[in-house]
């Protein structure tokens, strides 16, 4: 599960890398509004993925033993 979060962060970083040179070239109000919205959405995506990444913790040892026991009994 953790690798999906990292892949989404890398994809967002790549899209920012592609878009960054174009942002300063735009001069119209609508273009600036679009890029402002795009950057705000980018920050939300990165923040959400970082929050998901930080909340991923390994369960305590007792819960790990219980999960292993359940998986062994299911197979």
Protein backbone atom coordinates (compact mmCIF):
# COMPACT_ATOMS: atom_id res chain seq x y z
CA UNK A 1 0.00 0.00 0.00
CA UNK A 2 2.84 2.36 0.80
CA UNK A 3 4.29 2.07 -2.70
CA UNK A 4 1.04 3.40 -4.22
CA UNK A 5 1.31 6.54 -2.11
CA UNK A 6 4.92 7.05 -3.17
CA UNK A 7 3.96 6.52 -6.83
CA UNK A 8 1.21 9.13 -6.56
CA UNK A 9 3.66 11.59 -5.00
CA UNK A 10 6.15 10.94 -7.80
CA UNK A 11 3.45 11.44 -10.43
CA UNK A 12 2.39 14.74 -8.85
CA UNK A 13 6.04 15.87 -8.73
CA UNK A 14 6.49 14.93 -12.40
CA UNK A 15 3.41 16.91 -13.42
CA UNK A 16 4.70 19.93 -11.51
CA UNK A 17 8.09 19.49 -13.20
CA UNK A 18 6.42 19.55 -16.62
CA UNK A 19 4.14 22.51 -15.82
CA UNK A 20 6.59 24.74 -13.93
CA UNK A 21 8.33 26.31 -16.99
CA UNK A 22 4.97 27.25 -18.54
CA UNK A 23 3.48 28.97 -15.47
CA UNK A 24 5.49 32.25 -15.64
CA UNK A 25 4.80 32.67 -19.38
CA UNK A 26 1.05 33.07 -18.90
CA UNK A 27 -0.09 36.69 -18.69
CA UNK A 28 -3.90 36.66 -18.85
CA UNK A 29 -6.16 36.75 -15.81
CA UNK A 30 -7.89 33.49 -16.70
CA UNK A 31 -4.55 31.76 -17.24
CA UNK A 32 -3.28 32.96 -13.86
CA UNK A 33 -6.52 31.83 -12.25
CA UNK A 34 -6.15 28.40 -13.86
CA UNK A 35 -2.55 27.99 -12.71
CA UNK A 36 -3.44 29.20 -9.22
CA UNK A 37 -6.16 26.56 -9.03
CA UNK A 38 -3.82 23.96 -10.46
CA UNK A 39 -1.16 24.72 -7.86
CA UNK A 40 -3.76 24.68 -5.06
CA UNK A 41 -4.97 21.27 -6.23
CA UNK A 42 -1.34 20.08 -6.41
CA UNK A 43 -0.79 21.14 -2.80
CA UNK A 44 -3.95 19.29 -1.75
CA UNK A 45 -2.84 16.13 -3.55
CA UNK A 46 0.65 16.22 -2.06
CA UNK A 47 -0.67 17.02 1.41
CA UNK A 48 -3.22 14.22 1.28
CA UNK A 49 -0.66 11.69 0.14
CA UNK A 50 1.85 12.78 2.78
CA UNK A 51 -0.87 12.48 5.42
CA UNK A 52 -1.70 8.98 4.19
CA UNK A 53 1.98 8.07 4.19
CA UNK A 54 2.49 9.31 7.74
CA UNK A 55 -0.57 7.47 9.06
CA UNK A 56 0.66 4.12 7.79
CA UNK A 57 2.12 2.41 10.81
CA UNK A 58 2.81 -1.22 11.52
CA UNK A 59 0.37 -2.75 14.00
CA UNK A 60 1.63 -3.67 17.47
CA UNK A 61 3.24 -7.07 17.95
CA UNK A 62 0.14 -8.61 19.51
CA UNK A 63 -1.99 -7.60 16.52
CA UNK A 64 0.63 -8.92 14.10
CA UNK A 65 0.48 -12.32 15.80
CA UNK A 66 -3.32 -12.29 15.56
CA UNK A 67 -3.17 -11.39 11.85
CA UNK A 68 -0.70 -14.20 11.17
CA UNK A 69 -2.89 -16.66 13.06
CA UNK A 70 -5.96 -15.62 11.04
CA UNK A 71 -4.07 -15.85 7.75
CA UNK A 72 -2.74 -19.29 8.66
CA UNK A 73 -6.20 -20.57 9.56
CA UNK A 74 -7.67 -19.27 6.29
CA UNK A 75 -5.22 -21.18 4.11
